[in-house]
PDB file of N, CA and C in Angstrom:
ATOM      1  N   MET A   1     -12.525  -6.825   4.240  1.00  0.00           N
ATOM      2  CA  MET A   1     -11.891  -5.746   4.946  1.00  0.00           C
ATOM      3  C   MET A   1     -12.096  -5.809   6.453  1.00  0.00           C
ATOM      4  N   PHE A   2     -12.660  -6.922   6.900  1.00  0.00           N
ATOM      5  CA  PHE A   2     -12.933  -7.062   8.352  1.00  0.00           C
ATOM      6  C   PHE A   2     -11.642  -6.882   9.213  1.00  0.00           C
ATOM      7  N   ASP A   3     -10.618  -7.598   8.884  1.00  0.00           N
ATOM      8  CA  ASP A   3      -9.477  -7.519   9.650  1.00  0.00           C
ATOM      9  C   ASP A   3      -8.811  -6.163   9.648  1.00  0.00           C
ATOM     10  N   ARG A   4      -8.932  -5.481   8.494  1.00  0.00           N
ATOM     11  CA  ARG A   4      -8.310  -4.137   8.316  1.00  0.00           C
ATOM     12  C   ARG A   4      -9.056  -3.154   9.182  1.00  0.00           C
ATOM     13  N   VAL A   5     -10.375  -3.257   9.251  1.00  0.00           N
ATOM     14  CA  VAL A   5     -11.225  -2.451  10.077  1.00  0.00           C
ATOM     15  C   VAL A   5     -10.912  -2.501  11.536  1.00  0.00           C
ATOM     16  N   LEU A   6     -10.775  -3.825  11.957  1.00  0.00           N
ATOM     17  CA  LEU A   6     -10.420  -4.155  13.393  1.00  0.00           C
ATOM     18  C   LEU A   6      -9.001  -3.595  13.695  1.00  0.00           C
ATOM     19  N   ALA A   7      -8.133  -3.762  12.836  1.00  0.00           N
ATOM     20  CA  ALA A   7      -6.715  -3.207  13.060  1.00  0.00           C
ATOM     21  C   ALA A   7      -6.728  -1.797  13.092  1.00  0.00           C
ATOM     22  N   ALA A   8      -7.553  -1.062  12.401  1.00  0.00           N
ATOM     23  CA  ALA A   8      -7.635   0.466  12.415  1.00  0.00           C
ATOM     24  C   ALA A   8      -8.113   0.909  13.800  1.00  0.00           C
ATOM     25  N   CYS A   9      -8.805   0.259  14.529  1.00  0.00           N
ATOM     26  CA  CYS A   9      -9.240   0.676  15.814  1.00  0.00           C
ATOM     27  C   CYS A   9      -8.117   0.928  16.698  1.00  0.00           C
ATOM     28  N   SER A  10      -6.985   0.181  16.742  1.00  0.00           N
ATOM     29  CA  SER A  10      -5.922   0.302  17.621  1.00  0.00           C
ATOM     30  C   SER A  10      -4.821   1.234  17.150  1.00  0.00           C
ATOM     31  N   ILE A  11      -5.022   1.927  16.007  1.00  0.00           N
ATOM     32  CA  ILE A  11      -3.991   2.829  15.461  1.00  0.00           C
ATOM     33  C   ILE A  11      -3.878   4.064  16.395  1.00  0.00           C
ATOM     34  N   LYS A  12      -2.740   4.393  16.689  1.00  0.00           N
ATOM     35  CA  LYS A  12      -2.433   5.622  17.451  1.00  0.00           C
ATOM     36  C   LYS A  12      -1.520   6.443  16.596  1.00  0.00           C
ATOM     37  N   PRO A  13      -1.568   7.713  16.520  1.00  0.00           N
ATOM     38  CA  PRO A  13      -2.512   8.615  17.202  1.00  0.00           C
ATOM     39  C   PRO A  13      -3.850   8.683  16.540  1.00  0.00           C
ATOM     40  N   ARG A  14      -4.739   9.470  17.032  1.00  0.00           N
ATOM     41  CA  ARG A  14      -6.100   9.557  16.561  1.00  0.00           C
ATOM     42  C   ARG A  14      -6.181   9.946  15.077  1.00  0.00           C
ATOM     43  N   GLU A  15      -5.256  10.867  14.657  1.00  0.00           N
ATOM     44  CA  GLU A  15      -5.358  11.423  13.315  1.00  0.00           C
ATOM     45  C   GLU A  15      -5.041  10.285  12.283  1.00  0.00           C
ATOM     46  N   SER A  16      -4.125   9.472  12.701  1.00  0.00           N
ATOM     47  CA  SER A  16      -3.704   8.254  11.807  1.00  0.00           C
ATOM     48  C   SER A  16      -4.946   7.282  11.726  1.00  0.00           C
ATOM     49  N   ARG A  17      -5.542   7.050  12.898  1.00  0.00           N
ATOM     50  CA  ARG A  17      -6.713   6.044  12.854  1.00  0.00           C
ATOM     51  C   ARG A  17      -7.815   6.648  11.973  1.00  0.00           C
ATOM     52  N   ILE A  18      -8.070   8.039  12.130  1.00  0.00           N
ATOM     53  CA  ILE A  18      -9.156   8.634  11.300  1.00  0.00           C
ATOM     54  C   ILE A  18      -8.770   8.466   9.766  1.00  0.00           C
ATOM     55  N   LYS A  19      -7.527   8.705   9.467  1.00  0.00           N
ATOM     56  CA  LYS A  19      -7.113   8.532   8.093  1.00  0.00           C
ATOM     57  C   LYS A  19      -7.261   7.203   7.610  1.00  0.00           C
ATOM     58  N   GLU A  20      -6.925   6.168   8.442  1.00  0.00           N
ATOM     59  CA  GLU A  20      -7.164   4.803   7.902  1.00  0.00           C
ATOM     60  C   GLU A  20      -8.641   4.478   7.777  1.00  0.00           C
ATOM     61  N   PHE A  21      -9.526   4.882   8.648  1.00  0.00           N
ATOM     62  CA  PHE A  21     -10.956   4.716   8.562  1.00  0.00           C
ATOM     63  C   PHE A  21     -11.444   5.422   7.308  1.00  0.00           C
ATOM     64  N   ARG A  22     -10.903   6.633   6.986  1.00  0.00           N
ATOM     65  CA  ARG A  22     -11.390   7.342   5.773  1.00  0.00           C
ATOM     66  C   ARG A  22     -11.001   6.549   4.512  1.00  0.00           C
ATOM     67  N   ASP A  23      -9.739   6.028   4.584  1.00  0.00           N
ATOM     68  CA  ASP A  23      -9.357   5.190   3.469  1.00  0.00           C
ATOM     69  C   ASP A  23     -10.218   3.981   3.366  1.00  0.00           C
ATOM     70  N   ILE A  24     -10.488   3.258   4.475  1.00  0.00           N
ATOM     71  CA  ILE A  24     -11.381   2.070   4.275  1.00  0.00           C
ATOM     72  C   ILE A  24     -12.778   2.477   3.779  1.00  0.00           C
ATOM     73  N   VAL A  25     -13.353   3.527   4.332  1.00  0.00           N
ATOM     74  CA  VAL A  25     -14.681   3.934   3.907  1.00  0.00           C
ATOM     75  C   VAL A  25     -14.602   4.278   2.419  1.00  0.00           C
ATOM     76  N   ASN A  26     -13.625   4.882   1.946  1.00  0.00           N
ATOM     77  CA  ASN A  26     -13.495   5.294   0.481  1.00  0.00           C
ATOM     78  C   ASN A  26     -13.300   4.126  -0.430  1.00  0.00           C
ATOM     79  N   CYS A  27     -12.788   2.890   0.148  1.00  0.00           N
ATOM     80  CA  CYS A  27     -12.675   1.662  -0.536  1.00  0.00           C
ATOM     81  C   CYS A  27     -14.016   0.926  -0.849  1.00  0.00           C
ATOM     82  N   LEU A  28     -15.015   1.383  -0.130  1.00  0.00           N
ATOM     83  CA  LEU A  28     -16.357   0.735  -0.245  1.00  0.00           C
ATOM     84  C   LEU A  28     -16.900   1.159  -1.541  1.00  0.00           C
ATOM     85  N   PRO A  29     -17.692   0.137  -2.100  1.00  0.00           N
ATOM     86  CA  PRO A  29     -18.505   0.612  -3.228  1.00  0.00           C
ATOM     87  C   PRO A  29     -19.363   1.896  -2.920  1.00  0.00           C
ATOM     88  N   GLU A  30     -19.620   2.704  -3.939  1.00  0.00           N
ATOM     89  CA  GLU A  30     -20.289   3.912  -3.551  1.00  0.00           C
ATOM     90  C   GLU A  30     -21.663   3.693  -2.925  1.00  0.00           C
ATOM     91  N   CYS A  31     -22.402   2.734  -3.292  1.00  0.00           N
ATOM     92  CA  CYS A  31     -23.773   2.552  -2.667  1.00  0.00           C
ATOM     93  C   CYS A  31     -23.596   2.036  -1.247  1.00  0.00           C
ATOM     94  N   ASN A  32     -22.563   1.289  -0.891  1.00  0.00           N
ATOM     95  CA  ASN A  32     -22.367   0.912   0.446  1.00  0.00           C
ATOM     96  C   ASN A  32     -21.935   2.110   1.395  1.00  0.00           C
ATOM     97  N   ARG A  33     -20.950   2.902   0.743  1.00  0.00           N
ATOM     98  CA  ARG A  33     -20.402   4.001   1.473  1.00  0.00           C
ATOM     99  C   ARG A  33     -21.671   5.063   1.726  1.00  0.00           C
ATOM    100  N   ASP A  34     -22.437   5.257   0.707  1.00  0.00           N
ATOM    101  CA  ASP A  34     -23.584   6.162   0.917  1.00  0.00           C
ATOM    102  C   ASP A  34     -24.593   5.635   2.019  1.00  0.00           C
ATOM    103  N   THR A  35     -24.762   4.404   1.917  1.00  0.00           N
ATOM    104  CA  THR A  35     -25.728   3.777   2.851  1.00  0.00           C
ATOM    105  C   THR A  35     -25.313   3.909   4.224  1.00  0.00           C
ATOM    106  N   LEU A  36     -23.954   3.599   4.330  1.00  0.00           N
ATOM    107  CA  LEU A  36     -23.244   3.688   5.786  1.00  0.00           C
ATOM    108  C   LEU A  36     -23.357   5.152   6.226  1.00  0.00           C
ATOM    109  N   LYS A  37     -23.018   5.959   5.399  1.00  0.00           N
ATOM    110  CA  LYS A  37     -23.081   7.565   5.761  1.00  0.00           C
ATOM    111  C   LYS A  37     -24.503   7.939   6.198  1.00  0.00           C
ATOM    112  N   PHE A  38     -25.499   7.491   5.361  1.00  0.00           N
ATOM    113  CA  PHE A  38     -26.860   7.879   5.731  1.00  0.00           C
ATOM    114  C   PHE A  38     -27.216   7.307   7.055  1.00  0.00           C
ATOM    115  N   LEU A  39     -26.909   5.994   7.298  1.00  0.00           N
ATOM    116  CA  LEU A  39     -27.319   5.364   8.523  1.00  0.00           C
ATOM    117  C   LEU A  39     -26.618   6.087   9.740  1.00  0.00           C
ATOM    118  N   LEU A  40     -25.313   6.402   9.591  1.00  0.00           N
ATOM    119  CA  LEU A  40     -24.595   6.997  10.685  1.00  0.00           C
ATOM    120  C   LEU A  40     -25.171   8.382  10.972  1.00  0.00           C
ATOM    121  N   GLU A  41     -25.542   9.190   9.906  1.00  0.00           N
ATOM    122  CA  GLU A  41     -26.149  10.433  10.135  1.00  0.00           C
ATOM    123  C   GLU A  41     -27.493  10.277  10.896  1.00  0.00           C
ATOM    124  N   HIS A  42     -28.176   9.277  10.596  1.00  0.00           N
ATOM    125  CA  HIS A  42     -29.515   9.016  11.338  1.00  0.00           C
ATOM    126  C   HIS A  42     -29.177   8.717  12.786  1.00  0.00           C
ATOM    127  N   LEU A  43     -28.201   7.800  12.974  1.00  0.00           N
ATOM    128  CA  LEU A  43     -27.801   7.470  14.406  1.00  0.00           C
ATOM    129  C   LEU A  43     -27.394   8.621  15.183  1.00  0.00           C
ATOM    130  N   LEU A  44     -26.643   9.471  14.613  1.00  0.00           N
ATOM    131  CA  LEU A  44     -26.164  10.685  15.282  1.00  0.00           C
ATOM    132  C   LEU A  44     -27.341  11.678  15.643  1.00  0.00           C
ATOM    133  N   LYS A  45     -28.416  11.583  14.812  1.00  0.00           N
ATOM    134  CA  LYS A  45     -29.616  12.322  15.214  1.00  0.00           C
ATOM    135  C   LYS A  45     -30.305  11.618  16.429  1.00  0.00           C
ATOM    136  N   VAL A  46     -30.191  10.299  16.514  1.00  0.00           N
ATOM    137  CA  VAL A  46     -30.820   9.650  17.624  1.00  0.00           C
ATOM    138  C   VAL A  46     -30.100  10.060  18.966  1.00  0.00           C
ATOM    139  N   THR A  47     -28.679  10.204  18.836  1.00  0.00           N
ATOM    140  CA  THR A  47     -27.961  10.659  20.024  1.00  0.00           C
ATOM    141  C   THR A  47     -28.355  12.029  20.531  1.00  0.00           C
ATOM    142  N   GLN A  48     -28.941  12.769  19.736  1.00  0.00           N
ATOM    143  CA  GLN A  48     -29.323  14.151  20.203  1.00  0.00           C
ATOM    144  C   GLN A  48     -30.474  14.025  21.203  1.00  0.00           C
ATOM    145  N   TYR A  49     -31.077  12.815  21.315  1.00  0.00           N
ATOM    146  CA  TYR A  49     -32.146  12.677  22.281  1.00  0.00           C
ATOM    147  C   TYR A  49     -31.759  11.742  23.327  1.00  0.00           C
ATOM    148  N   SER A  50     -30.456  11.546  23.508  1.00  0.00           N
ATOM    149  CA  SER A  50     -29.990  10.468  24.452  1.00  0.00           C
ATOM    150  C   SER A  50     -30.415  10.710  25.898  1.00  0.00           C
ATOM    151  N   GLU A  51     -30.636  11.945  26.274  1.00  0.00           N
ATOM    152  CA  GLU A  51     -31.145  12.161  27.694  1.00  0.00           C
ATOM    153  C   GLU A  51     -32.533  11.419  27.985  1.00  0.00           C
ATOM    154  N   ARG A  52     -33.258  11.282  26.859  1.00  0.00           N
ATOM    155  CA  ARG A  52     -34.544  10.686  26.995  1.00  0.00           C
ATOM    156  C   ARG A  52     -34.534   9.117  26.556  1.00  0.00           C
ATOM    157  N   ASN A  53     -33.821   8.916  25.438  1.00  0.00           N
ATOM    158  CA  ASN A  53     -33.892   7.506  24.907  1.00  0.00           C
ATOM    159  C   ASN A  53     -32.722   6.709  25.300  1.00  0.00           C
ATOM    160  N   ARG A  54     -31.718   7.258  26.004  1.00  0.00           N
ATOM    161  CA  ARG A  54     -30.501   6.531  26.598  1.00  0.00           C
ATOM    162  C   ARG A  54     -29.643   5.928  25.412  1.00  0.00           C
ATOM    163  N   MET A  55     -29.827   6.474  24.199  1.00  0.00           N
ATOM    164  CA  MET A  55     -29.106   5.945  23.102  1.00  0.00           C
ATOM    165  C   MET A  55     -27.918   6.880  22.757  1.00  0.00           C
ATOM    166  N   HIS A  56     -26.879   6.854  23.636  1.00  0.00           N
ATOM    167  CA  HIS A  56     -25.778   7.674  23.330  1.00  0.00           C
ATOM    168  C   HIS A  56     -24.823   6.683  22.405  1.00  0.00           C
ATOM    169  N   THR A  57     -23.743   7.226  21.928  1.00  0.00           N
ATOM    170  CA  THR A  57     -22.981   6.358  20.929  1.00  0.00           C
ATOM    171  C   THR A  57     -22.647   4.969  21.353  1.00  0.00           C
ATOM    172  N   ALA A  58     -22.181   4.901  22.606  1.00  0.00           N
ATOM    173  CA  ALA A  58     -21.788   3.568  23.080  1.00  0.00           C
ATOM    174  C   ALA A  58     -23.003   2.482  22.962  1.00  0.00           C
ATOM    175  N   ASN A  59     -24.149   2.922  23.451  1.00  0.00           N
ATOM    176  CA  ASN A  59     -25.294   2.045  23.243  1.00  0.00           C
ATOM    177  C   ASN A  59     -25.765   1.698  21.850  1.00  0.00           C
ATOM    178  N   LEU A  60     -25.560   2.706  21.052  1.00  0.00           N
ATOM    179  CA  LEU A  60     -25.927   2.521  19.582  1.00  0.00           C
ATOM    180  C   LEU A  60     -24.923   1.533  19.036  1.00  0.00           C
ATOM    181  N   ALA A  61     -23.638   1.647  19.423  1.00  0.00           N
ATOM    182  CA  ALA A  61     -22.609   0.780  19.009  1.00  0.00           C
ATOM    183  C   ALA A  61     -22.874  -0.643  19.402  1.00  0.00           C
ATOM    184  N   ILE A  62     -23.337  -0.759  20.652  1.00  0.00           N
ATOM    185  CA  ILE A  62     -23.667  -2.194  21.124  1.00  0.00           C
ATOM    186  C   ILE A  62     -24.779  -2.802  20.320  1.00  0.00           C
ATOM    187  N   VAL A  63     -25.851  -1.976  19.969  1.00  0.00           N
ATOM    188  CA  VAL A  63     -26.981  -2.410  19.236  1.00  0.00           C
ATOM    189  C   VAL A  63     -26.603  -2.780  17.687  1.00  0.00           C
ATOM    190  N   PHE A  64     -25.891  -1.782  17.096  1.00  0.00           N
ATOM    191  CA  PHE A  64     -25.555  -1.915  15.674  1.00  0.00           C
ATOM    192  C   PHE A  64     -24.277  -2.485  15.257  1.00  0.00           C
ATOM    193  N   GLY A  65     -23.326  -2.615  16.206  1.00  0.00           N
ATOM    194  CA  GLY A  65     -21.996  -3.307  15.922  1.00  0.00           C
ATOM    195  C   GLY A  65     -22.098  -4.581  15.247  1.00  0.00           C
ATOM    196  N   PRO A  66     -22.815  -5.547  15.979  1.00  0.00           N
ATOM    197  CA  PRO A  66     -22.881  -6.915  15.375  1.00  0.00           C
ATOM    198  C   PRO A  66     -23.584  -7.013  14.019  1.00  0.00           C
ATOM    199  N   THR A  67     -24.489  -5.994  13.738  1.00  0.00           N
ATOM    200  CA  THR A  67     -25.368  -6.024  12.533  1.00  0.00           C
ATOM    201  C   THR A  67     -24.567  -5.401  11.431  1.00  0.00           C
ATOM    202  N   LEU A  68     -23.870  -4.265  11.663  1.00  0.00           N
ATOM    203  CA  LEU A  68     -23.152  -3.635  10.552  1.00  0.00           C
ATOM    204  C   LEU A  68     -21.841  -4.228  10.195  1.00  0.00           C
ATOM    205  N   LEU A  69     -21.179  -4.850  11.134  1.00  0.00           N
ATOM    206  CA  LEU A  69     -19.879  -5.439  10.971  1.00  0.00           C
ATOM    207  C   LEU A  69     -19.789  -6.774  11.514  1.00  0.00           C
ATOM    208  N   TRP A  70     -20.044  -7.760  10.664  1.00  0.00           N
ATOM    209  CA  TRP A  70     -19.903  -9.216  11.234  1.00  0.00           C
ATOM    210  C   TRP A  70     -18.843  -9.922  10.478  1.00  0.00           C
ATOM    211  N   ALA A  71     -18.226 -10.769  11.215  1.00  0.00           N
ATOM    212  CA  ALA A  71     -17.116 -11.536  10.629  1.00  0.00           C
ATOM    213  C   ALA A  71     -17.582 -12.618   9.714  1.00  0.00           C
ATOM    214  N   PRO A  72     -16.819 -12.733   8.591  1.00  0.00           N
ATOM    215  CA  PRO A  72     -17.142 -14.023   7.738  1.00  0.00           C
ATOM    216  C   PRO A  72     -16.954 -15.150   8.537  1.00  0.00           C
ATOM    217  N   ALA A  73     -17.709 -16.220   8.286  1.00  0.00           N
ATOM    218  CA  ALA A  73     -17.560 -17.452   9.018  1.00  0.00           C
ATOM    219  C   ALA A  73     -16.036 -17.981   9.310  1.00  0.00           C
ATOM    220  N   ALA A  74     -15.349 -17.824   8.207  1.00  0.00           N
ATOM    221  CA  ALA A  74     -13.918 -18.249   8.261  1.00  0.00           C
ATOM    222  C   ALA A  74     -13.089 -17.396   9.256  1.00  0.00           C
ATOM    223  N   GLN A  75     -13.542 -16.175   9.546  1.00  0.00           N
ATOM    224  CA  GLN A  75     -12.784 -15.242  10.335  1.00  0.00           C
ATOM    225  C   GLN A  75     -13.482 -15.118  11.768  1.00  0.00           C
ATOM    226  N   ALA A  76     -14.480 -15.771  12.008  1.00  0.00           N
ATOM    227  CA  ALA A  76     -15.096 -15.614  13.246  1.00  0.00           C
ATOM    228  C   ALA A  76     -14.266 -16.329  14.311  1.00  0.00           C
ATOM    229  N   HIS A  77     -13.918 -15.550  15.260  1.00  0.00           N
ATOM    230  CA  HIS A  77     -12.990 -16.175  16.302  1.00  0.00           C
ATOM    231  C   HIS A  77     -13.753 -16.521  17.627  1.00  0.00           C
ATOM    232  N   ASN A  78     -14.084 -15.483  18.363  1.00  0.00           N
ATOM    233  CA  ASN A  78     -14.780 -15.677  19.689  1.00  0.00           C
ATOM    234  C   ASN A  78     -15.940 -14.644  19.690  1.00  0.00           C
ATOM    235  N   ILE A  79     -17.138 -15.138  19.840  1.00  0.00           N
ATOM    236  CA  ILE A  79     -18.296 -14.302  19.591  1.00  0.00           C
ATOM    237  C   ILE A  79     -18.199 -13.031  20.574  1.00  0.00           C
ATOM    238  N   ALA A  80     -17.871 -13.267  21.795  1.00  0.00           N
ATOM    239  CA  ALA A  80     -17.768 -12.119  22.805  1.00  0.00           C
ATOM    240  C   ALA A  80     -16.686 -11.151  22.365  1.00  0.00           C
ATOM    241  N   VAL A  81     -15.463 -11.644  22.025  1.00  0.00           N
ATOM    242  CA  VAL A  81     -14.498 -10.711  21.512  1.00  0.00           C
ATOM    243  C   VAL A  81     -14.846  -9.993  20.261  1.00  0.00           C
ATOM    244  N   ASP A  82     -15.364 -10.780  19.324  1.00  0.00           N
ATOM    245  CA  ASP A  82     -15.881 -10.115  18.061  1.00  0.00           C
ATOM    246  C   ASP A  82     -16.862  -9.027  18.315  1.00  0.00           C
ATOM    247  N   CYS A  83     -17.868  -9.241  19.217  1.00  0.00           N
ATOM    248  CA  CYS A  83     -18.812  -8.250  19.577  1.00  0.00           C
ATOM    249  C   CYS A  83     -18.152  -6.957  20.104  1.00  0.00           C
ATOM    250  N   ILE A  84     -17.321  -7.090  20.920  1.00  0.00           N
ATOM    251  CA  ILE A  84     -16.601  -5.918  21.561  1.00  0.00           C
ATOM    252  C   ILE A  84     -15.832  -5.220  20.454  1.00  0.00           C
ATOM    253  N   GLN A  85     -15.250  -5.824  19.575  1.00  0.00           N
ATOM    254  CA  GLN A  85     -14.499  -5.228  18.417  1.00  0.00           C
ATOM    255  C   GLN A  85     -15.428  -4.525  17.508  1.00  0.00           C
ATOM    256  N   GLN A  86     -16.527  -5.200  17.249  1.00  0.00           N
ATOM    257  CA  GLN A  86     -17.532  -4.645  16.244  1.00  0.00           C
ATOM    258  C   GLN A  86     -18.121  -3.399  16.829  1.00  0.00           C
ATOM    259  N   ASN A  87     -18.388  -3.404  18.130  1.00  0.00           N
ATOM    260  CA  ASN A  87     -18.953  -2.251  18.883  1.00  0.00           C
ATOM    261  C   ASN A  87     -18.052  -1.103  18.786  1.00  0.00           C
ATOM    262  N   ASN A  88     -16.794  -1.436  19.016  1.00  0.00           N
ATOM    263  CA  ASN A  88     -15.702  -0.444  18.975  1.00  0.00           C
ATOM    264  C   ASN A  88     -15.597   0.255  17.575  1.00  0.00           C
ATOM    265  N   VAL A  89     -15.816  -0.495  16.542  1.00  0.00           N
ATOM    266  CA  VAL A  89     -15.776   0.101  15.139  1.00  0.00           C
ATOM    267  C   VAL A  89     -16.934   1.062  15.048  1.00  0.00           C
ATOM    268  N   VAL A  90     -18.040   0.660  15.392  1.00  0.00           N
ATOM    269  CA  VAL A  90     -19.323   1.510  15.236  1.00  0.00           C
ATOM    270  C   VAL A  90     -19.096   2.755  16.103  1.00  0.00           C
ATOM    271  N   ASP A  91     -18.665   2.629  17.393  1.00  0.00           N
ATOM    272  CA  ASP A  91     -18.334   3.704  18.239  1.00  0.00           C
ATOM    273  C   ASP A  91     -17.440   4.746  17.531  1.00  0.00           C
ATOM    274  N   ILE A  92     -16.432   4.269  17.038  1.00  0.00           N
ATOM    275  CA  ILE A  92     -15.447   5.150  16.363  1.00  0.00           C
ATOM    276  C   ILE A  92     -16.042   5.854  15.155  1.00  0.00           C
ATOM    277  N   LEU A  93     -16.826   5.096  14.275  1.00  0.00           N
ATOM    278  CA  LEU A  93     -17.521   5.627  13.191  1.00  0.00           C
ATOM    279  C   LEU A  93     -18.492   6.741  13.567  1.00  0.00           C
ATOM    280  N   LEU A  94     -19.196   6.549  14.708  1.00  0.00           N
ATOM    281  CA  LEU A  94     -20.097   7.599  15.232  1.00  0.00           C
ATOM    282  C   LEU A  94     -19.364   8.836  15.812  1.00  0.00           C
ATOM    283  N   ASN A  95     -18.387   8.477  16.605  1.00  0.00           N
ATOM    284  CA  ASN A  95     -17.707   9.645  17.378  1.00  0.00           C
ATOM    285  C   ASN A  95     -16.831  10.418  16.370  1.00  0.00           C
ATOM    286  N   ASP A  96     -16.203   9.846  15.328  1.00  0.00           N
ATOM    287  CA  ASP A  96     -15.376  10.465  14.530  1.00  0.00           C
ATOM    288  C   ASP A  96     -16.052  10.730  13.086  1.00  0.00           C
ATOM    289  N   TYR A  97     -17.325  10.626  13.109  1.00  0.00           N
ATOM    290  CA  TYR A  97     -18.158  10.612  11.735  1.00  0.00           C
ATOM    291  C   TYR A  97     -17.681  11.902  10.896  1.00  0.00           C
ATOM    292  N   HIS A  98     -17.657  13.109  11.525  1.00  0.00           N
ATOM    293  CA  HIS A  98     -17.362  14.179  10.696  1.00  0.00           C
ATOM    294  C   HIS A  98     -15.909  14.264  10.130  1.00  0.00           C
ATOM    295  N   ASP A  99     -15.038  13.733  10.878  1.00  0.00           N
ATOM    296  CA  ASP A  99     -13.588  13.735  10.386  1.00  0.00           C
ATOM    297  C   ASP A  99     -13.432  12.548   9.370  1.00  0.00           C
ATOM    298  N   ILE A 100     -14.229  11.561   9.419  1.00  0.00           N
ATOM    299  CA  ILE A 100     -14.132  10.412   8.533  1.00  0.00           C
ATOM    300  C   ILE A 100     -14.774  10.791   7.201  1.00  0.00           C
ATOM    301  N   PHE A 101     -15.893  11.385   7.305  1.00  0.00           N
ATOM    302  CA  PHE A 101     -16.734  11.627   6.095  1.00  0.00           C
ATOM    303  C   PHE A 101     -16.540  12.901   5.488  1.00  0.00           C
ATOM    304  N   ASP A 102     -15.997  13.912   6.172  1.00  0.00           N
ATOM    305  CA  ASP A 102     -15.939  15.253   5.660  1.00  0.00           C
ATOM    306  C   ASP A 102     -14.998  15.295   4.451  1.00  0.00           C
ATOM    307  N   ARG A 103     -15.501  15.633   3.319  1.00  0.00           N
ATOM    308  CA  ARG A 103     -14.762  15.612   2.106  1.00  0.00           C
ATOM    309  C   ARG A 103     -13.480  16.587   2.212  1.00  0.00           C
ATOM    310  N   ARG A 104     -13.468  17.520   3.008  1.00  0.00           N
ATOM    311  CA  ARG A 104     -12.431  18.498   3.048  1.00  0.00           C
ATOM    312  C   ARG A 104     -11.151  17.809   3.644  1.00  0.00           C
ATOM    313  N   HIS A 105     -11.296  16.685   4.395  1.00  0.00           N
ATOM    314  CA  HIS A 105     -10.214  15.959   4.889  1.00  0.00           C
ATOM    315  C   HIS A 105      -9.674  14.922   4.006  1.00  0.00           C
ATOM    316  N   ALA A 106     -10.450  14.680   2.961  1.00  0.00           N
ATOM    317  CA  ALA A 106     -10.155  13.547   2.042  1.00  0.00           C
ATOM    318  C   ALA A 106      -8.770  13.703   1.288  1.00  0.00           C
TER     319      ALA A 106
END
């Protein structure tokens, strides 16, 4: 689903992008979806202290993007470009967390 996730980042308008991310997340096996949700919830708690720890969503995306979303070897293009795209995905997941994971929108 790597290419689908990357493509979802450029979807406009925001509501359509969120719907696509919601669909992608719902396609994950339940254990992966629950783990992702738990991790994102924790990272959002970390952002509550960003004045002290400098870990706002963009910095967390830089740290966790390459770890959470890495390209399969056959799909790896350019490491620098892939990192930017991976960071963008994590940034969207964090910033739009409530809209993506809120069951009322499903």
